[in-house]
């Protein structure tokens, strides 16, 4: 009960802060540079011209990531007795929250700065997965892994700032490399880990990506409906992140292995 209240409070706070920012800057989003996706229409959902939130279904569904991040962050103490505990688990949860808030800001405003906020969370999360895999594979210490993560994020964010049109391809490359590193090199060095959770996350991502393509190309599209393919992509993406969390958490802690 306490955990549920904490999750709801965190989500409500994130929603309030995001909406307050929109109220401060909008609703005239034409005053800002448009997101690069506006050149081909930003997904199926038709923007509600003149409103503070242009794409409500796509925007509010982004909070699935926020709910998930808060749920992970307020895990009971019994769930923290794994190799995936402490600062890595907390940061993983925060990247999910940042991803959700950033996605909300993009779909609410369809601006270039909203797009930056959206992709920022995606880069923070995918870079974490890559650095976490490399740390286990190479046996890196915490300081070295953090330094590697900071460098990865700096390169990705710099590329996002200088070449925003490359965001999708760059994210796909980082994510695919992170997945390959985890499955082929890091997984064998994670005692007790349950790969089924990782495979479930891959399946959720695969279905989500198929829906993303259908929505983005207009193959399945009802512009004024509140049921949007891209919104489903958000929710399935949150499911995939949850599966990754359960996978990481299934690894045995060192003290457990010694026992």
Protein backbone atom coordinates (compact mmCIF):
# COMPACT_ATOMS: atom_id res chain seq x y z
CA UNK A 1 0.00 0.00 0.00
CA UNK A 2 2.78 2.41 0.94
CA UNK A 3 4.61 1.60 -2.27
CA UNK A 4 1.50 2.23 -4.37
CA UNK A 5 0.95 5.60 -2.68
CA UNK A 6 4.60 6.56 -3.27
CA UNK A 7 4.35 5.57 -6.94
CA UNK A 8 1.14 7.57 -7.43
CA UNK A 9 2.65 10.57 -5.65
CA UNK A 10 5.79 10.46 -7.79
CA UNK A 11 3.77 10.13 -10.99
CA UNK A 12 1.47 12.97 -9.97
CA UNK A 13 4.46 15.19 -9.15
CA UNK A 14 6.08 14.44 -12.53
CA UNK A 15 2.81 15.16 -14.31
CA UNK A 16 2.31 18.43 -12.41
CA UNK A 17 5.87 19.62 -13.11
CA UNK A 18 5.57 18.70 -16.81
CA UNK A 19 2.21 20.41 -17.16
CA UNK A 20 3.49 23.49 -15.33
CA UNK A 21 6.36 23.74 -17.82
CA UNK A 22 3.92 23.48 -20.72
CA UNK A 23 1.69 26.16 -19.20
CA UNK A 24 4.73 28.42 -18.87
CA UNK A 25 5.87 27.98 -22.48
CA UNK A 26 2.68 27.26 -24.45
CA UNK A 27 0.22 26.91 -25.97
CA UNK A 28 1.66 28.78 -28.96
CA UNK A 29 4.12 26.06 -29.93
CA UNK A 30 4.74 27.72 -33.29
CA UNK A 31 7.02 30.12 -31.43
CA UNK A 32 9.56 27.32 -31.14
CA UNK A 33 11.49 25.35 -33.74
CA UNK A 34 9.43 22.30 -34.73
CA UNK A 35 10.51 18.72 -34.09
CA UNK A 36 12.27 17.23 -37.11
CA UNK A 37 9.51 14.63 -37.43
CA UNK A 38 7.10 17.43 -38.38
CA UNK A 39 8.53 17.28 -41.89
CA UNK A 40 6.64 14.02 -42.41
CA UNK A 41 4.04 14.38 -39.62
CA UNK A 42 4.87 13.23 -36.11
CA UNK A 43 3.05 9.91 -36.07
CA UNK A 44 -0.61 9.24 -36.75
CA UNK A 45 -2.33 11.26 -34.01
CA UNK A 46 -3.58 14.60 -35.33
CA UNK A 47 -2.30 17.58 -33.30
CA UNK A 48 -5.03 19.46 -31.42
CA UNK A 49 -4.20 22.93 -32.74
CA UNK A 50 -4.12 25.66 -30.12
CA UNK A 51 -4.16 23.27 -27.16
CA UNK A 52 -1.52 22.88 -24.49
CA UNK A 53 -1.14 19.17 -25.24
CA UNK A 54 -1.16 18.63 -29.01
CA UNK A 55 -1.20 14.83 -29.00
CA UNK A 56 -2.96 13.73 -25.79
CA UNK A 57 -2.95 9.97 -26.38
CA UNK A 58 0.72 9.87 -27.32
CA UNK A 59 1.62 12.30 -24.56
CA UNK A 60 -0.18 10.82 -21.56
CA UNK A 61 0.68 7.22 -22.46
CA UNK A 62 4.32 8.22 -21.94
CA UNK A 63 3.69 8.21 -18.21
CA UNK A 64 3.76 4.42 -18.32
CA UNK A 65 7.54 4.84 -18.08
CA UNK A 66 7.16 7.17 -15.11
CA UNK A 67 4.93 4.74 -13.24
CA UNK A 68 7.40 1.94 -13.93
CA UNK A 69 10.40 3.99 -12.82
CA UNK A 70 8.69 4.97 -9.59
CA UNK A 71 7.64 1.34 -8.99
CA UNK A 72 11.25 0.17 -9.33
CA UNK A 73 12.58 2.99 -7.16
CA UNK A 74 10.25 2.16 -4.29
CA UNK A 75 10.92 -1.58 -4.33
CA UNK A 76 10.73 -3.25 -0.89
CA UNK A 77 14.04 -3.95 0.85
CA UNK A 78 13.60 -7.69 0.21
CA UNK A 79 13.72 -7.06 -3.54
CA UNK A 80 17.05 -5.22 -3.27
CA UNK A 81 19.07 -8.25 -2.16
CA UNK A 82 20.35 -8.96 -5.66
CA UNK A 83 23.37 -8.02 -7.74
CA UNK A 84 21.22 -5.27 -9.28
CA UNK A 85 20.80 -3.02 -6.28
CA UNK A 86 21.85 0.36 -4.94
CA UNK A 87 22.90 3.12 -7.30
CA UNK A 88 22.56 1.13 -10.59
CA UNK A 89 18.94 0.18 -9.83
CA UNK A 90 18.08 3.71 -8.71
CA UNK A 91 19.61 5.24 -11.82
CA UNK A 92 17.87 2.70 -14.05
CA UNK A 93 14.57 3.75 -12.46
CA UNK A 94 15.38 7.44 -12.96
CA UNK A 95 16.21 6.92 -16.63
CA UNK A 96 12.76 5.38 -17.09
CA UNK A 97 11.17 8.43 -15.45
CA UNK A 98 13.22 10.82 -17.61
CA UNK A 99 12.20 8.83 -20.71
CA UNK A 100 8.52 9.17 -19.83
CA UNK A 101 8.65 12.88 -19.05
CA UNK A 102 10.70 13.61 -22.17
CA UNK A 103 8.28 11.69 -24.38
CA UNK A 104 5.38 13.58 -22.84
CA UNK A 105 7.02 16.93 -23.59
CA UNK A 106 7.65 15.96 -27.20
CA UNK A 107 4.10 14.85 -27.94
CA UNK A 108 2.60 17.75 -26.02
CA UNK A 109 4.56 20.43 -27.89
CA UNK A 110 5.98 18.76 -31.06
CA UNK A 111 8.93 21.13 -30.71
CA UNK A 112 12.64 20.56 -31.25
CA UNK A 113 13.36 21.06 -27.56
CA UNK A 114 10.64 18.52 -26.75
CA UNK A 115 12.27 16.11 -29.17
CA UNK A 116 15.61 16.65 -27.41
CA UNK A 117 14.00 15.83 -24.05
CA UNK A 118 12.38 12.74 -25.55
CA UNK A 119 15.54 11.28 -27.06
CA UNK A 120 17.63 12.24 -24.02
CA UNK A 121 15.84 9.67 -21.87
CA UNK A 122 16.16 7.01 -24.58
CA UNK A 123 19.90 7.62 -24.79
CA UNK A 124 20.35 7.56 -21.02
CA UNK A 125 18.57 4.22 -20.86
CA UNK A 126 20.24 2.52 -23.84
CA UNK A 127 23.69 3.77 -22.79
CA UNK A 128 23.05 2.33 -19.32
CA UNK A 129 22.28 -1.08 -20.82
CA UNK A 130 25.49 -0.97 -22.86
CA UNK A 131 27.69 0.18 -19.97
CA UNK A 132 26.11 -2.34 -17.58
CA UNK A 133 26.79 -5.17 -20.03
CA UNK A 134 30.38 -4.08 -20.58
CA UNK A 135 30.94 -3.79 -16.85
CA UNK A 136 29.92 -7.40 -16.24
CA UNK A 137 31.73 -8.77 -19.29
CA UNK A 138 35.02 -6.97 -18.63
CA UNK A 139 34.80 -7.11 -14.83
CA UNK A 140 35.04 -3.32 -14.60
CA UNK A 141 34.98 -1.50 -11.29
CA UNK A 142 32.22 0.94 -10.45
CA UNK A 143 34.31 4.04 -11.16
CA UNK A 144 35.41 2.79 -14.58
CA UNK A 145 31.85 1.79 -15.50
CA UNK A 146 30.52 5.21 -14.48
CA UNK A 147 33.23 6.94 -16.50
CA UNK A 148 32.37 4.82 -19.53
CA UNK A 149 28.68 5.62 -19.12
CA UNK A 150 29.35 9.35 -18.85
CA UNK A 151 31.46 9.28 -22.02
CA UNK A 152 28.77 7.32 -23.90
CA UNK A 153 26.09 9.76 -22.81
CA UNK A 154 28.25 12.77 -23.70
CA UNK A 155 28.84 11.45 -27.22
CA UNK A 156 25.18 10.60 -27.76
CA UNK A 157 23.88 13.89 -26.37
CA UNK A 158 26.45 15.82 -28.41
CA UNK A 159 25.29 14.03 -31.56
CA UNK A 160 21.67 14.72 -30.64
CA UNK A 161 22.41 18.41 -30.28
CA UNK A 162 24.44 18.70 -33.49
CA UNK A 163 22.56 16.24 -35.72
CA UNK A 164 19.02 15.70 -34.36
CA UNK A 165 17.92 14.02 -37.59
CA UNK A 166 20.17 11.02 -36.79
CA UNK A 167 18.46 10.32 -33.44
CA UNK A 168 16.49 7.24 -34.49
CA UNK A 169 19.33 5.47 -36.25
CA UNK A 170 21.78 6.24 -33.48
CA UNK A 171 19.39 5.01 -30.80
CA UNK A 172 18.73 1.81 -32.76
CA UNK A 173 22.46 1.16 -33.13
CA UNK A 174 23.21 1.72 -29.44
CA UNK A 175 20.26 -0.42 -28.34
CA UNK A 176 21.10 -3.31 -30.69
CA UNK A 177 24.75 -3.27 -29.64
CA UNK A 178 23.72 -3.21 -25.97
CA UNK A 179 21.39 -6.19 -26.51
CA UNK A 180 24.09 -8.17 -28.33
CA UNK A 181 26.69 -7.42 -25.65
CA UNK A 182 24.30 -8.51 -22.93
CA UNK A 183 23.11 -11.74 -24.52
CA UNK A 184 26.43 -12.96 -25.93
CA UNK A 185 29.06 -11.65 -23.51
CA UNK A 186 27.58 -10.44 -20.23
CA UNK A 187 24.80 -12.97 -19.64
CA UNK A 188 27.13 -15.98 -19.15
CA UNK A 189 28.83 -14.04 -16.34
CA UNK A 190 25.61 -13.33 -14.44
CA UNK A 191 25.07 -16.25 -12.00
CA UNK A 192 21.46 -17.30 -11.54
CA UNK A 193 20.15 -14.80 -14.07
CA UNK A 194 16.86 -15.65 -15.79
CA UNK A 195 17.21 -15.00 -19.55
CA UNK A 196 13.48 -15.56 -20.05
CA UNK A 197 12.87 -12.06 -18.71
CA UNK A 198 15.29 -10.58 -21.25
CA UNK A 199 13.68 -12.53 -24.10
CA UNK A 200 10.25 -11.36 -22.95
CA UNK A 201 11.49 -7.78 -23.14
CA UNK A 202 12.81 -8.38 -26.65
CA UNK A 203 9.43 -9.80 -27.68
CA UNK A 204 7.63 -6.76 -26.26
CA UNK A 205 10.02 -4.47 -28.10
CA UNK A 206 9.55 -6.38 -31.36
CA UNK A 207 5.76 -6.07 -31.18
CA UNK A 208 6.07 -2.41 -30.17
CA UNK A 209 8.36 -1.67 -33.12
CA UNK A 210 5.96 -3.34 -35.56
CA UNK A 211 3.14 -1.15 -34.22
CA UNK A 212 5.42 1.90 -34.39
CA UNK A 213 6.03 1.25 -38.10
CA UNK A 214 2.33 0.79 -38.85
CA UNK A 215 1.52 4.02 -37.01
CA UNK A 216 4.41 6.06 -38.39
CA UNK A 217 3.69 5.07 -41.99
CA UNK A 218 -0.05 5.64 -41.62
CA UNK A 219 -0.81 2.02 -42.49
CA UNK A 220 -3.05 1.74 -39.42
CA UNK A 221 -4.16 5.23 -38.57
CA UNK A 222 -7.17 6.96 -37.01
CA UNK A 223 -5.85 10.50 -36.47
CA UNK A 224 -8.57 11.71 -34.08
CA UNK A 225 -8.92 8.57 -31.99
CA UNK A 226 -7.59 8.30 -28.45
CA UNK A 227 -6.43 4.79 -29.29
CA UNK A 228 -3.13 5.35 -31.03
CA UNK A 229 -0.50 2.90 -32.20
CA UNK A 230 2.27 5.14 -30.91
CA UNK A 231 0.63 5.22 -27.48
CA UNK A 232 0.63 1.41 -27.49
CA UNK A 233 4.32 1.58 -28.46
CA UNK A 234 4.94 3.61 -25.30
CA UNK A 235 3.13 1.12 -23.06
CA UNK A 236 4.86 -1.89 -24.61
CA UNK A 237 8.17 -0.06 -24.29
CA UNK A 238 7.52 0.33 -20.57
CA UNK A 239 6.75 -3.41 -20.39
CA UNK A 240 10.09 -4.12 -22.09
CA UNK A 241 11.95 -1.94 -19.59
CA UNK A 242 10.21 -3.76 -16.75
CA UNK A 243 11.33 -7.09 -18.20
CA UNK A 244 14.91 -5.81 -18.37
CA UNK A 245 14.67 -4.78 -14.73
CA UNK A 246 13.44 -8.24 -13.71
CA UNK A 247 16.25 -9.79 -15.74
CA UNK A 248 18.93 -7.68 -14.05
CA UNK A 249 17.35 -8.29 -10.65
CA UNK A 250 17.41 -12.06 -11.11
CA UNK A 251 21.21 -12.12 -10.98
CA UNK A 252 22.45 -13.49 -7.66
CA UNK A 253 24.22 -11.12 -5.31
CA UNK A 254 27.80 -12.10 -4.34
CA UNK A 255 26.86 -12.85 -0.71
CA UNK A 256 24.01 -15.08 -1.92
CA UNK A 257 26.39 -17.06 -4.12
CA UNK A 258 28.81 -17.61 -1.25
CA UNK A 259 26.00 -18.95 0.96
